[in-house]
Amino acid sequence: DLTFDDFVDICRKEPVTTEEDLMKAFRKIDLNGDGYISLDELFKILTTKGEKMSRKEVREMIDEVDENKDGKLDYRE
């Protein structure tokens, strides 16, 4: 099994991601194109492409980085 520490090590070895790459990834998750990633959008991506997560777990992920506490993520966050 891949641990969180393994994941961090892999990320450190990868080349630095450009802002353009981050925007492409952001746009793929921003399904309605409104400039924000909502709980529903992130939940849909995480439960169809990755491990099965509960809405509560996805909400906790958003809350961790949601600087302005509006319940959704913008590119800067």
C-alpha atoms as a PDB file:
ATOM      1  CA  ASP A   1       0.000   0.000   0.000  1.00  0.00           C
ATOM      2  CA  LEU A   2       1.082   3.541  -0.746  1.00  0.00           C
ATOM      3  CA  THR A   3       1.437   5.619   2.384  1.00  0.00           C
ATOM      4  CA  PHE A   4       1.083   9.385   2.579  1.00  0.00           C
ATOM      5  CA  ASP A   5       4.847   9.655   3.157  1.00  0.00           C
ATOM      6  CA  ASP A   6       5.453   7.641  -0.045  1.00  0.00           C
ATOM      7  CA  PHE A   7       3.140  10.020  -1.914  1.00  0.00           C
ATOM      8  CA  VAL A   8       5.016  13.070  -0.585  1.00  0.00           C
ATOM      9  CA  ASP A   9       8.353  11.522  -1.629  1.00  0.00           C
ATOM     10  CA  ILE A  10       7.040  10.899  -5.151  1.00  0.00           C
ATOM     11  CA  CYS A  11       5.760  14.479  -5.405  1.00  0.00           C
ATOM     12  CA  ARG A  12       9.134  15.862  -4.347  1.00  0.00           C
ATOM     13  CA  LYS A  13      10.877  13.907  -7.130  1.00  0.00           C
ATOM     14  CA  GLU A  14       8.496  15.113  -9.836  1.00  0.00           C
ATOM     15  CA  PRO A  15       9.392  18.235 -11.818  1.00  0.00           C
ATOM     16  CA  VAL A  16       7.801  21.457 -10.640  1.00  0.00           C
ATOM     17  CA  THR A  17       4.345  21.883 -12.118  1.00  0.00           C
ATOM     18  CA  THR A  18       3.814  24.992 -14.187  1.00  0.00           C
ATOM     19  CA  GLU A  19       0.933  27.367 -13.616  1.00  0.00           C
ATOM     20  CA  GLU A  20      -0.422  26.320 -17.027  1.00  0.00           C
ATOM     21  CA  ASP A  21      -0.466  22.641 -15.944  1.00  0.00           C
ATOM     22  CA  LEU A  22      -2.276  23.571 -12.745  1.00  0.00           C
ATOM     23  CA  MET A  23      -4.876  25.561 -14.692  1.00  0.00           C
ATOM     24  CA  LYS A  24      -5.489  22.615 -17.051  1.00  0.00           C
ATOM     25  CA  ALA A  25      -6.059  20.319 -14.078  1.00  0.00           C
ATOM     26  CA  PHE A  26      -8.265  22.915 -12.372  1.00  0.00           C
ATOM     27  CA  ARG A  27     -10.412  23.302 -15.506  1.00  0.00           C
ATOM     28  CA  LYS A  28     -10.911  19.530 -15.728  1.00  0.00           C
ATOM     29  CA  ILE A  29     -12.336  19.478 -12.213  1.00  0.00           C
ATOM     30  CA  ASP A  30     -14.311  22.728 -12.660  1.00  0.00           C
ATOM     31  CA  LEU A  31     -17.051  20.905 -14.577  1.00  0.00           C
ATOM     32  CA  ASN A  32     -19.407  23.869 -15.020  1.00  0.00           C
ATOM     33  CA  GLY A  33     -16.610  26.323 -15.873  1.00  0.00           C
ATOM     34  CA  ASP A  34     -17.546  28.912 -13.242  1.00  0.00           C
ATOM     35  CA  GLY A  35     -13.976  29.333 -11.972  1.00  0.00           C
ATOM     36  CA  TYR A  36     -14.583  27.414  -8.752  1.00  0.00           C
ATOM     37  CA  ILE A  37     -14.374  23.791  -7.671  1.00  0.00           C
ATOM     38  CA  SER A  38     -17.456  22.953  -5.648  1.00  0.00           C
ATOM     39  CA  LEU A  39     -18.011  20.069  -3.272  1.00  0.00           C
ATOM     40  CA  ASP A  40     -20.170  18.358  -5.902  1.00  0.00           C
ATOM     41  CA  GLU A  41     -17.534  18.710  -8.633  1.00  0.00           C
ATOM     42  CA  LEU A  42     -14.694  17.456  -6.464  1.00  0.00           C
ATOM     43  CA  PHE A  43     -16.861  14.636  -5.085  1.00  0.00           C
ATOM     44  CA  LYS A  44     -17.765  13.529  -8.624  1.00  0.00           C
ATOM     45  CA  ILE A  45     -14.131  13.473  -9.771  1.00  0.00           C
ATOM     46  CA  LEU A  46     -12.854  11.742  -6.638  1.00  0.00           C
ATOM     47  CA  THR A  47     -15.534   9.062  -6.616  1.00  0.00           C
ATOM     48  CA  THR A  48     -15.412   8.225 -10.323  1.00  0.00           C
ATOM     49  CA  LYS A  49     -11.663   8.363 -10.945  1.00  0.00           C
ATOM     50  CA  GLY A  50     -10.148   7.561  -7.568  1.00  0.00           C
ATOM     51  CA  GLU A  51     -10.893   5.830  -4.359  1.00  0.00           C
ATOM     52  CA  LYS A  52     -14.407   5.935  -3.026  1.00  0.00           C
ATOM     53  CA  MET A  53     -14.696   8.793  -0.586  1.00  0.00           C
ATOM     54  CA  SER A  54     -17.627  10.049   1.414  1.00  0.00           C
ATOM     55  CA  ARG A  55     -19.007  13.562   0.932  1.00  0.00           C
ATOM     56  CA  LYS A  56     -17.781  14.309   4.469  1.00  0.00           C
ATOM     57  CA  GLU A  57     -14.210  13.335   3.520  1.00  0.00           C
ATOM     58  CA  VAL A  58     -14.351  15.519   0.408  1.00  0.00           C
ATOM     59  CA  ARG A  59     -15.762  18.414   2.470  1.00  0.00           C
ATOM     60  CA  GLU A  60     -12.833  18.037   4.890  1.00  0.00           C
ATOM     61  CA  MET A  61     -10.395  18.249   1.949  1.00  0.00           C
ATOM     62  CA  ILE A  62     -12.023  21.466   0.746  1.00  0.00           C
ATOM     63  CA  ASP A  63     -12.166  22.942   4.245  1.00  0.00           C
ATOM     64  CA  GLU A  64      -8.433  22.319   4.644  1.00  0.00           C
ATOM     65  CA  VAL A  65      -7.514  24.721   1.820  1.00  0.00           C
ATOM     66  CA  ASP A  66     -10.607  26.937   1.566  1.00  0.00           C
ATOM     67  CA  GLU A  67      -8.992  30.174   2.725  1.00  0.00           C
ATOM     68  CA  ASN A  68     -12.085  32.397   2.468  1.00  0.00           C
ATOM     69  CA  LYS A  69     -14.431  29.702   3.841  1.00  0.00           C
ATOM     70  CA  ASP A  70     -16.963  29.995   0.999  1.00  0.00           C
ATOM     71  CA  GLY A  71     -17.268  26.219   0.631  1.00  0.00           C
ATOM     72  CA  LYS A  72     -15.585  26.060  -2.774  1.00  0.00           C
ATOM     73  CA  LEU A  73     -12.089  26.386  -4.157  1.00  0.00           C
ATOM     74  CA  ASP A  74     -10.833  28.994  -6.568  1.00  0.00           C
ATOM     75  CA  TYR A  75      -7.539  28.723  -8.432  1.00  0.00           C
ATOM     76  CA  ARG A  76      -5.589  30.784  -5.905  1.00  0.00           C
ATOM     77  CA  GLU A  77      -6.595  28.545  -3.010  1.00  0.00           C
END
